[in-house]
PDB file of all heavy atoms in Angstrom:
ATOM      1  N   SER A   1       4.845  15.341 -73.053  1.00  0.00           N
ATOM      2  CA  SER A   1       5.715  15.582 -71.908  1.00  0.00           C
ATOM      3  C   SER A   1       4.949  16.149 -70.723  1.00  0.00           C
ATOM      4  O   SER A   1       5.042  15.639 -69.593  1.00  0.00           O
ATOM      5  CB  SER A   1       6.844  16.533 -72.317  1.00  0.00           C
ATOM      6  OG  SER A   1       7.642  16.861 -71.209  1.00  0.00           O
ATOM      7  N   HIS A   2       4.181  17.205 -70.959  1.00  0.00           N
ATOM      8  CA  HIS A   2       3.457  17.839 -69.860  1.00  0.00           C
ATOM      9  C   HIS A   2       2.366  16.932 -69.305  1.00  0.00           C
ATOM     10  O   HIS A   2       2.134  16.898 -68.087  1.00  0.00           O
ATOM     11  CB  HIS A   2       2.866  19.168 -70.319  1.00  0.00           C
ATOM     12  CG  HIS A   2       3.870  20.277 -70.431  1.00  0.00           C
ATOM     13  ND1 HIS A   2       4.506  20.820 -69.341  1.00  0.00           N
ATOM     14  CD2 HIS A   2       4.355  20.947 -71.513  1.00  0.00           C
ATOM     15  CE1 HIS A   2       5.335  21.771 -69.729  1.00  0.00           C
ATOM     16  NE2 HIS A   2       5.268  21.857 -71.039  1.00  0.00           N
ATOM     17  N   LEU A   3       1.694  16.175 -70.184  1.00  0.00           N
ATOM     18  CA  LEU A   3       0.643  15.270 -69.707  1.00  0.00           C
ATOM     19  C   LEU A   3       1.240  14.150 -68.866  1.00  0.00           C
ATOM     20  O   LEU A   3       0.712  13.809 -67.798  1.00  0.00           O
ATOM     21  CB  LEU A   3      -0.143  14.700 -70.887  1.00  0.00           C
ATOM     22  CG  LEU A   3      -1.259  13.717 -70.533  1.00  0.00           C
ATOM     23  CD1 LEU A   3      -2.247  14.336 -69.541  1.00  0.00           C
ATOM     24  CD2 LEU A   3      -1.997  13.262 -71.804  1.00  0.00           C
ATOM     25  N   ALA A   4       2.340  13.576 -69.322  1.00  0.00           N
ATOM     26  CA  ALA A   4       2.996  12.516 -68.552  1.00  0.00           C
ATOM     27  C   ALA A   4       3.427  13.029 -67.181  1.00  0.00           C
ATOM     28  O   ALA A   4       3.209  12.359 -66.161  1.00  0.00           O
ATOM     29  CB  ALA A   4       4.202  11.978 -69.324  1.00  0.00           C
ATOM     30  N   ASN A   5       4.009  14.225 -67.149  1.00  0.00           N
ATOM     31  CA  ASN A   5       4.458  14.790 -65.875  1.00  0.00           C
ATOM     32  C   ASN A   5       3.277  15.085 -64.940  1.00  0.00           C
ATOM     33  O   ASN A   5       3.360  14.872 -63.728  1.00  0.00           O
ATOM     34  CB  ASN A   5       5.267  16.061 -66.104  1.00  0.00           C
ATOM     35  CG  ASN A   5       6.596  15.787 -66.775  1.00  0.00           C
ATOM     36  OD1 ASN A   5       7.111  14.671 -66.732  1.00  0.00           O
ATOM     37  ND2 ASN A   5       7.169  16.793 -67.415  1.00  0.00           N
ATOM     38  N   ALA A   6       2.183  15.589 -65.525  1.00  0.00           N
ATOM     39  CA  ALA A   6       0.998  15.886 -64.712  1.00  0.00           C
ATOM     40  C   ALA A   6       0.397  14.603 -64.141  1.00  0.00           C
ATOM     41  O   ALA A   6      -0.010  14.551 -62.977  1.00  0.00           O
ATOM     42  CB  ALA A   6      -0.038  16.639 -65.542  1.00  0.00           C
ATOM     43  N   LEU A   7       0.342  13.558 -64.958  1.00  0.00           N
ATOM     44  CA  LEU A   7      -0.165  12.265 -64.480  1.00  0.00           C
ATOM     45  C   LEU A   7       0.714  11.717 -63.356  1.00  0.00           C
ATOM     46  O   LEU A   7       0.219  11.167 -62.367  1.00  0.00           O
ATOM     47  CB  LEU A   7      -0.221  11.270 -65.635  1.00  0.00           C
ATOM     48  CG  LEU A   7      -1.304  11.527 -66.683  1.00  0.00           C
ATOM     49  CD1 LEU A   7      -1.058  10.688 -67.926  1.00  0.00           C
ATOM     50  CD2 LEU A   7      -2.693  11.226 -66.116  1.00  0.00           C
ATOM     51  N   LEU A   8       2.014  11.884 -63.506  1.00  0.00           N
ATOM     52  CA  LEU A   8       2.944  11.425 -62.471  1.00  0.00           C
ATOM     53  C   LEU A   8       2.716  12.198 -61.172  1.00  0.00           C
ATOM     54  O   LEU A   8       2.719  11.615 -60.080  1.00  0.00           O
ATOM     55  CB  LEU A   8       4.379  11.597 -62.958  1.00  0.00           C
ATOM     56  CG  LEU A   8       5.480  10.939 -62.119  1.00  0.00           C
ATOM     57  CD1 LEU A   8       5.279   9.437 -62.041  1.00  0.00           C
ATOM     58  CD2 LEU A   8       6.847  11.265 -62.703  1.00  0.00           C
ATOM     59  N   ASP A   9       2.507  13.515 -61.290  1.00  0.00           N
ATOM     60  CA  ASP A   9       2.242  14.332 -60.109  1.00  0.00           C
ATOM     61  C   ASP A   9       0.951  13.915 -59.407  1.00  0.00           C
ATOM     62  O   ASP A   9       0.821  14.074 -58.185  1.00  0.00           O
ATOM     63  CB  ASP A   9       2.156  15.808 -60.490  1.00  0.00           C
ATOM     64  CG  ASP A   9       3.513  16.409 -60.837  1.00  0.00           C
ATOM     65  OD1 ASP A   9       4.536  15.823 -60.441  1.00  0.00           O
ATOM     66  OD2 ASP A   9       3.550  17.452 -61.519  1.00  0.00           O
ATOM     67  N   MET A  10      -0.007  13.372 -60.172  1.00  0.00           N
ATOM     68  CA  MET A  10      -1.272  12.909 -59.605  1.00  0.00           C
ATOM     69  C   MET A  10      -1.205  11.436 -59.196  1.00  0.00           C
ATOM     70  O   MET A  10      -2.222  10.820 -58.905  1.00  0.00           O
ATOM     71  CB  MET A  10      -2.402  13.124 -60.620  1.00  0.00           C
ATOM     72  CG  MET A  10      -2.682  14.585 -60.948  1.00  0.00           C
ATOM     73  SD  MET A  10      -3.216  15.544 -59.512  1.00  0.00           S
ATOM     74  CE  MET A  10      -4.783  14.768 -59.135  1.00  0.00           C
ATOM     75  N   ASN A  11       0.017  10.883 -59.220  1.00  0.00           N
ATOM     76  CA  ASN A  11       0.271   9.492 -58.816  1.00  0.00           C
ATOM     77  C   ASN A  11      -0.390   8.477 -59.754  1.00  0.00           C
ATOM     78  O   ASN A  11      -0.627   7.326 -59.359  1.00  0.00           O
ATOM     79  CB  ASN A  11      -0.185   9.242 -57.376  1.00  0.00           C
ATOM     80  CG  ASN A  11       0.627   8.146 -56.708  1.00  0.00           C
ATOM     81  OD1 ASN A  11       1.811   7.978 -56.978  1.00  0.00           O
ATOM     82  ND2 ASN A  11      -0.022   7.373 -55.843  1.00  0.00           N
ATOM     83  N   ARG A  12      -0.662   8.884 -60.991  1.00  0.00           N
ATOM     84  CA  ARG A  12      -1.206   7.963 -62.000  1.00  0.00           C
ATOM     85  C   ARG A  12      -0.022   7.424 -62.809  1.00  0.00           C
ATOM     86  O   ARG A  12       0.167   7.737 -63.977  1.00  0.00           O
ATOM     87  CB  ARG A  12      -2.239   8.692 -62.855  1.00  0.00           C
ATOM     88  CG  ARG A  12      -3.478   9.091 -62.056  1.00  0.00           C
ATOM     89  CD  ARG A  12      -4.351  10.135 -62.727  1.00  0.00           C
ATOM     90  NE  ARG A  12      -4.883   9.698 -64.005  1.00  0.00           N
ATOM     91  CZ  ARG A  12      -5.721  10.418 -64.741  1.00  0.00           C
ATOM     92  NH1 ARG A  12      -6.128  11.612 -64.297  1.00  0.00           N
ATOM     93  NH2 ARG A  12      -6.154   9.982 -65.898  1.00  0.00           N
ATOM     94  N   LYS A  13       0.775   6.599 -62.133  1.00  0.00           N
ATOM     95  CA  LYS A  13       2.084   6.219 -62.648  1.00  0.00           C
ATOM     96  C   LYS A  13       2.016   5.317 -63.880  1.00  0.00           C
ATOM     97  O   LYS A  13       2.843   5.439 -64.787  1.00  0.00           O
ATOM     98  CB  LYS A  13       2.898   5.546 -61.540  1.00  0.00           C
ATOM     99  CG  LYS A  13       3.213   6.477 -60.382  1.00  0.00           C
ATOM    100  CD  LYS A  13       4.012   5.784 -59.301  1.00  0.00           C
ATOM    101  CE  LYS A  13       4.298   6.732 -58.143  1.00  0.00           C
ATOM    102  NZ  LYS A  13       5.075   6.072 -57.062  1.00  0.00           N
ATOM    103  N   ASP A  14       1.060   4.391 -63.915  1.00  0.00           N
ATOM    104  CA  ASP A  14       0.969   3.486 -65.066  1.00  0.00           C
ATOM    105  C   ASP A  14       0.668   4.259 -66.349  1.00  0.00           C
ATOM    106  O   ASP A  14       1.253   3.993 -67.405  1.00  0.00           O
ATOM    107  CB  ASP A  14      -0.105   2.426 -64.826  1.00  0.00           C
ATOM    108  CG  ASP A  14       0.296   1.424 -63.751  1.00  0.00           C
ATOM    109  OD1 ASP A  14       1.503   1.327 -63.460  1.00  0.00           O
ATOM    110  OD2 ASP A  14      -0.603   0.745 -63.202  1.00  0.00           O
ATOM    111  N   GLU A  15      -0.247   5.226 -66.247  1.00  0.00           N
ATOM    112  CA  GLU A  15      -0.586   6.039 -67.410  1.00  0.00           C
ATOM    113  C   GLU A  15       0.596   6.903 -67.837  1.00  0.00           C
ATOM    114  O   GLU A  15       0.872   7.068 -69.032  1.00  0.00           O
ATOM    115  CB  GLU A  15      -1.792   6.926 -67.103  1.00  0.00           C
ATOM    116  CG  GLU A  15      -3.081   6.169 -66.843  1.00  0.00           C
ATOM    117  CD  GLU A  15      -4.158   7.076 -66.273  1.00  0.00           C
ATOM    118  OE1 GLU A  15      -4.852   7.736 -67.057  1.00  0.00           O
ATOM    119  OE2 GLU A  15      -4.293   7.128 -65.024  1.00  0.00           O
ATOM    120  N   ALA A  16       1.302   7.449 -66.844  1.00  0.00           N
ATOM    121  CA  ALA A  16       2.476   8.273 -67.142  1.00  0.00           C
ATOM    122  C   ALA A  16       3.541   7.438 -67.845  1.00  0.00           C
ATOM    123  O   ALA A  16       4.164   7.898 -68.817  1.00  0.00           O
ATOM    124  CB  ALA A  16       3.046   8.864 -65.856  1.00  0.00           C
ATOM    125  N   GLU A  17       3.721   6.203 -67.406  1.00  0.00           N
ATOM    126  CA  GLU A  17       4.748   5.343 -67.995  1.00  0.00           C
ATOM    127  C   GLU A  17       4.460   5.076 -69.472  1.00  0.00           C
ATOM    128  O   GLU A  17       5.373   5.072 -70.317  1.00  0.00           O
ATOM    129  CB  GLU A  17       4.832   4.030 -67.225  1.00  0.00           C
ATOM    130  CG  GLU A  17       6.012   3.161 -67.613  1.00  0.00           C
ATOM    131  CD  GLU A  17       6.202   1.982 -66.678  1.00  0.00           C
ATOM    132  OE1 GLU A  17       5.274   1.654 -65.905  1.00  0.00           O
ATOM    133  OE2 GLU A  17       7.289   1.383 -66.727  1.00  0.00           O
ATOM    134  N   VAL A  18       3.198   4.878 -69.800  1.00  0.00           N
ATOM    135  CA  VAL A  18       2.813   4.650 -71.203  1.00  0.00           C
ATOM    136  C   VAL A  18       3.177   5.858 -72.062  1.00  0.00           C
ATOM    137  O   VAL A  18       3.703   5.719 -73.177  1.00  0.00           O
ATOM    138  CB  VAL A  18       1.300   4.354 -71.303  1.00  0.00           C
ATOM    139  CG1 VAL A  18       0.854   4.353 -72.769  1.00  0.00           C
ATOM    140  CG2 VAL A  18       0.980   3.006 -70.661  1.00  0.00           C
ATOM    141  N   LEU A  19       2.930   7.049 -71.537  1.00  0.00           N
ATOM    142  CA  LEU A  19       3.212   8.265 -72.305  1.00  0.00           C
ATOM    143  C   LEU A  19       4.710   8.524 -72.429  1.00  0.00           C
ATOM    144  O   LEU A  19       5.184   8.983 -73.470  1.00  0.00           O
ATOM    145  CB  LEU A  19       2.513   9.464 -71.682  1.00  0.00           C
ATOM    146  CG  LEU A  19       0.987   9.442 -71.739  1.00  0.00           C
ATOM    147  CD1 LEU A  19       0.419  10.770 -71.247  1.00  0.00           C
ATOM    148  CD2 LEU A  19       0.478   9.165 -73.143  1.00  0.00           C
ATOM    149  N   TYR A  20       5.470   8.239 -71.374  1.00  0.00           N
ATOM    150  CA  TYR A  20       6.921   8.387 -71.484  1.00  0.00           C
ATOM    151  C   TYR A  20       7.475   7.451 -72.555  1.00  0.00           C
ATOM    152  O   TYR A  20       8.374   7.818 -73.312  1.00  0.00           O
ATOM    153  CB  TYR A  20       7.593   8.109 -70.141  1.00  0.00           C
ATOM    154  CG  TYR A  20       7.408   9.201 -69.107  1.00  0.00           C
ATOM    155  CD1 TYR A  20       7.013   8.890 -67.801  1.00  0.00           C
ATOM    156  CD2 TYR A  20       7.642  10.542 -69.421  1.00  0.00           C
ATOM    157  CE1 TYR A  20       6.852   9.888 -66.847  1.00  0.00           C
ATOM    158  CE2 TYR A  20       7.476  11.539 -68.466  1.00  0.00           C
ATOM    159  CZ  TYR A  20       7.081  11.206 -67.186  1.00  0.00           C
ATOM    160  OH  TYR A  20       6.923  12.200 -66.252  1.00  0.00           O
ATOM    161  N   ALA A  21       6.921   6.246 -72.616  1.00  0.00           N
ATOM    162  CA  ALA A  21       7.362   5.289 -73.641  1.00  0.00           C
ATOM    163  C   ALA A  21       7.026   5.806 -75.041  1.00  0.00           C
ATOM    164  O   ALA A  21       7.813   5.634 -75.982  1.00  0.00           O
ATOM    165  CB  ALA A  21       6.715   3.931 -73.402  1.00  0.00           C
ATOM    166  N   ARG A  22       5.867   6.462 -75.187  1.00  0.00           N
ATOM    167  CA  ARG A  22       5.513   7.048 -76.488  1.00  0.00           C
ATOM    168  C   ARG A  22       6.490   8.164 -76.861  1.00  0.00           C
ATOM    169  O   ARG A  22       6.875   8.299 -78.029  1.00  0.00           O
ATOM    170  CB  ARG A  22       4.081   7.590 -76.447  1.00  0.00           C
ATOM    171  CG  ARG A  22       3.016   6.527 -76.604  1.00  0.00           C
ATOM    172  CD  ARG A  22       1.628   7.114 -76.531  1.00  0.00           C
ATOM    173  NE  ARG A  22       1.363   8.073 -77.586  1.00  0.00           N
ATOM    174  CZ  ARG A  22       0.235   8.779 -77.678  1.00  0.00           C
ATOM    175  NH1 ARG A  22      -0.714   8.628 -76.772  1.00  0.00           N
ATOM    176  NH2 ARG A  22       0.060   9.629 -78.664  1.00  0.00           N
ATOM    177  N   GLN A  23       6.897   8.951 -75.863  1.00  0.00           N
ATOM    178  CA  GLN A  23       7.890   9.997 -76.132  1.00  0.00           C
ATOM    179  C   GLN A  23       9.186   9.397 -76.662  1.00  0.00           C
ATOM    180  O   GLN A  23       9.803   9.942 -77.591  1.00  0.00           O
ATOM    181  CB  GLN A  23       8.186  10.784 -74.853  1.00  0.00           C
ATOM    182  CG  GLN A  23       7.132  11.798 -74.466  1.00  0.00           C
ATOM    183  CD  GLN A  23       7.564  12.557 -73.231  1.00  0.00           C
ATOM    184  OE1 GLN A  23       7.113  12.284 -72.123  1.00  0.00           O
ATOM    185  NE2 GLN A  23       8.443  13.520 -73.403  1.00  0.00           N
ATOM    186  N   VAL A  24       9.608   8.306 -76.073  1.00  0.00           N
ATOM    187  CA  VAL A  24      10.844   7.651 -76.508  1.00  0.00           C
ATOM    188  C   VAL A  24      10.715   7.146 -77.935  1.00  0.00           C
ATOM    189  O   VAL A  24      11.667   7.215 -78.721  1.00  0.00           O
ATOM    190  CB  VAL A  24      11.218   6.503 -75.542  1.00  0.00           C
ATOM    191  CG1 VAL A  24      12.391   5.697 -76.084  1.00  0.00           C
ATOM    192  CG2 VAL A  24      11.560   7.067 -74.173  1.00  0.00           C
ATOM    193  N   GLU A  25       9.537   6.657 -78.302  1.00  0.00           N
ATOM    194  CA  GLU A  25       9.308   6.199 -79.681  1.00  0.00           C
ATOM    195  C   GLU A  25       9.504   7.349 -80.666  1.00  0.00           C
ATOM    196  O   GLU A  25      10.095   7.182 -81.725  1.00  0.00           O
ATOM    197  CB  GLU A  25       7.893   5.637 -79.828  1.00  0.00           C
ATOM    198  CG  GLU A  25       7.674   4.300 -79.127  1.00  0.00           C
ATOM    199  CD  GLU A  25       6.233   3.831 -79.267  1.00  0.00           C
ATOM    200  OE1 GLU A  25       5.496   4.415 -80.097  1.00  0.00           O
ATOM    201  OE2 GLU A  25       5.833   2.907 -78.545  1.00  0.00           O
ATOM    202  N   PHE A  26       8.992   8.522 -80.304  1.00  0.00           N
ATOM    203  CA  PHE A  26       9.095   9.686 -81.188  1.00  0.00           C
ATOM    204  C   PHE A  26      10.511  10.278 -81.189  1.00  0.00           C
ATOM    205  O   PHE A  26      10.979  10.773 -82.215  1.00  0.00           O
ATOM    206  CB  PHE A  26       8.086  10.768 -80.774  1.00  0.00           C
ATOM    207  CG  PHE A  26       6.655  10.376 -80.984  1.00  0.00           C
ATOM    208  CD1 PHE A  26       5.698  10.641 -80.017  1.00  0.00           C
ATOM    209  CD2 PHE A  26       6.254   9.723 -82.142  1.00  0.00           C
ATOM    210  CE1 PHE A  26       4.369  10.273 -80.199  1.00  0.00           C
ATOM    211  CE2 PHE A  26       4.928   9.353 -82.334  1.00  0.00           C
ATOM    212  CZ  PHE A  26       3.980   9.624 -81.359  1.00  0.00           C
ATOM    213  N   ASP A  27      11.191  10.245 -80.028  1.00  0.00           N
ATOM    214  CA  ASP A  27      12.519  10.840 -79.921  1.00  0.00           C
ATOM    215  C   ASP A  27      13.386   9.993 -78.981  1.00  0.00           C
ATOM    216  O   ASP A  27      13.419  10.235 -77.769  1.00  0.00           O
ATOM    217  CB  ASP A  27      12.418  12.274 -79.396  1.00  0.00           C
ATOM    218  CG  ASP A  27      13.766  12.986 -79.400  1.00  0.00           C
ATOM    219  OD1 ASP A  27      14.774  12.353 -79.771  1.00  0.00           O
ATOM    220  OD2 ASP A  27      13.821  14.179 -79.014  1.00  0.00           O
ATOM    221  N   PRO A  28      14.086   8.991 -79.516  1.00  0.00           N
ATOM    222  CA  PRO A  28      14.891   8.086 -78.686  1.00  0.00           C
ATOM    223  C   PRO A  28      16.041   8.784 -77.964  1.00  0.00           C
ATOM    224  O   PRO A  28      16.648   8.183 -77.067  1.00  0.00           O
ATOM    225  CB  PRO A  28      15.434   7.059 -79.696  1.00  0.00           C
ATOM    226  CG  PRO A  28      14.547   7.165 -80.886  1.00  0.00           C
ATOM    227  CD  PRO A  28      14.112   8.591 -80.942  1.00  0.00           C
ATOM    228  N   LYS A  29      16.369  10.014 -78.336  1.00  0.00           N
ATOM    229  CA  LYS A  29      17.483  10.735 -77.723  1.00  0.00           C
ATOM    230  C   LYS A  29      17.044  11.698 -76.627  1.00  0.00           C
ATOM    231  O   LYS A  29      17.873  12.387 -76.036  1.00  0.00           O
ATOM    232  CB  LYS A  29      18.251  11.514 -78.803  1.00  0.00           C
ATOM    233  CG  LYS A  29      18.892  10.646 -79.879  1.00  0.00           C
ATOM    234  CD  LYS A  29      20.004   9.791 -79.314  1.00  0.00           C
ATOM    235  CE  LYS A  29      20.727   9.022 -80.408  1.00  0.00           C
ATOM    236  NZ  LYS A  29      21.804   8.161 -79.845  1.00  0.00           N
ATOM    237  N   ASP A  30      15.752  11.759 -76.341  1.00  0.00           N
ATOM    238  CA  ASP A  30      15.246  12.673 -75.314  1.00  0.00           C
ATOM    239  C   ASP A  30      15.498  12.063 -73.943  1.00  0.00           C
ATOM    240  O   ASP A  30      14.860  11.073 -73.557  1.00  0.00           O
ATOM    241  CB  ASP A  30      13.758  12.922 -75.535  1.00  0.00           C
ATOM    242  CG  ASP A  30      13.212  14.031 -74.646  1.00  0.00           C
ATOM    243  OD1 ASP A  30      13.919  14.454 -73.708  1.00  0.00           O
ATOM    244  OD2 ASP A  30      12.078  14.483 -74.889  1.00  0.00           O
ATOM    245  N   VAL A  31      16.425  12.642 -73.192  1.00  0.00           N
ATOM    246  CA  VAL A  31      16.867  12.040 -71.934  1.00  0.00           C
ATOM    247  C   VAL A  31      15.783  12.083 -70.853  1.00  0.00           C
ATOM    248  O   VAL A  31      15.727  11.193 -69.988  1.00  0.00           O
ATOM    249  CB  VAL A  31      18.158  12.727 -71.439  1.00  0.00           C
ATOM    250  CG1 VAL A  31      17.899  14.173 -71.039  1.00  0.00           C
ATOM    251  CG2 VAL A  31      18.778  11.967 -70.280  1.00  0.00           C
ATOM    252  N   GLY A  32      14.901  13.080 -70.888  1.00  0.00           N
ATOM    253  CA  GLY A  32      13.883  13.230 -69.846  1.00  0.00           C
ATOM    254  C   GLY A  32      12.999  12.005 -69.671  1.00  0.00           C
ATOM    255  O   GLY A  32      12.948  11.410 -68.587  1.00  0.00           O
ATOM    256  N   PRO A  33      12.284  11.588 -70.722  1.00  0.00           N
ATOM    257  CA  PRO A  33      11.429  10.407 -70.571  1.00  0.00           C
ATOM    258  C   PRO A  33      12.208   9.130 -70.303  1.00  0.00           C
ATOM    259  O   PRO A  33      11.727   8.242 -69.594  1.00  0.00           O
ATOM    260  CB  PRO A  33      10.680  10.328 -71.904  1.00  0.00           C
ATOM    261  CG  PRO A  33      11.433  11.176 -72.843  1.00  0.00           C
ATOM    262  CD  PRO A  33      12.084  12.235 -72.017  1.00  0.00           C
ATOM    263  N   LEU A  34      13.419   9.011 -70.826  1.00  0.00           N
ATOM    264  CA  LEU A  34      14.244   7.831 -70.551  1.00  0.00           C
ATOM    265  C   LEU A  34      14.537   7.713 -69.056  1.00  0.00           C
ATOM    266  O   LEU A  34      14.393   6.644 -68.452  1.00  0.00           O
ATOM    267  CB  LEU A  34      15.552   7.903 -71.336  1.00  0.00           C
ATOM    268  CG  LEU A  34      15.457   7.739 -72.859  1.00  0.00           C
ATOM    269  CD1 LEU A  34      16.776   8.122 -73.519  1.00  0.00           C
ATOM    270  CD2 LEU A  34      15.080   6.304 -73.220  1.00  0.00           C
ATOM    271  N   ALA A  35      14.949   8.837 -68.452  1.00  0.00           N
ATOM    272  CA  ALA A  35      15.241   8.830 -67.014  1.00  0.00           C
ATOM    273  C   ALA A  35      13.981   8.597 -66.196  1.00  0.00           C
ATOM    274  O   ALA A  35      14.005   7.887 -65.172  1.00  0.00           O
ATOM    275  CB  ALA A  35      15.904  10.145 -66.619  1.00  0.00           C
ATOM    276  N   ASN A  36      12.848   9.170 -66.642  1.00  0.00           N
ATOM    277  CA  ASN A  36      11.598   8.971 -65.911  1.00  0.00           C
ATOM    278  C   ASN A  36      11.136   7.516 -65.977  1.00  0.00           C
ATOM    279  O   ASN A  36      10.591   6.982 -65.005  1.00  0.00           O
ATOM    280  CB  ASN A  36      10.512   9.897 -66.460  1.00  0.00           C
ATOM    281  CG  ASN A  36      10.657  11.320 -65.952  1.00  0.00           C
ATOM    282  OD1 ASN A  36      11.053  11.537 -64.817  1.00  0.00           O
ATOM    283  ND2 ASN A  36      10.353  12.291 -66.787  1.00  0.00           N
TER     284      ASN A  36
END
């Protein structure tokens, strides 16, 4: 979560998107990465 958010803050959006997708794999009910 923190790495994805930090990457997003640094405008490294493609890398952040990959990590948000990994979060969803681990926890499909986590609304944060889904919305991101």
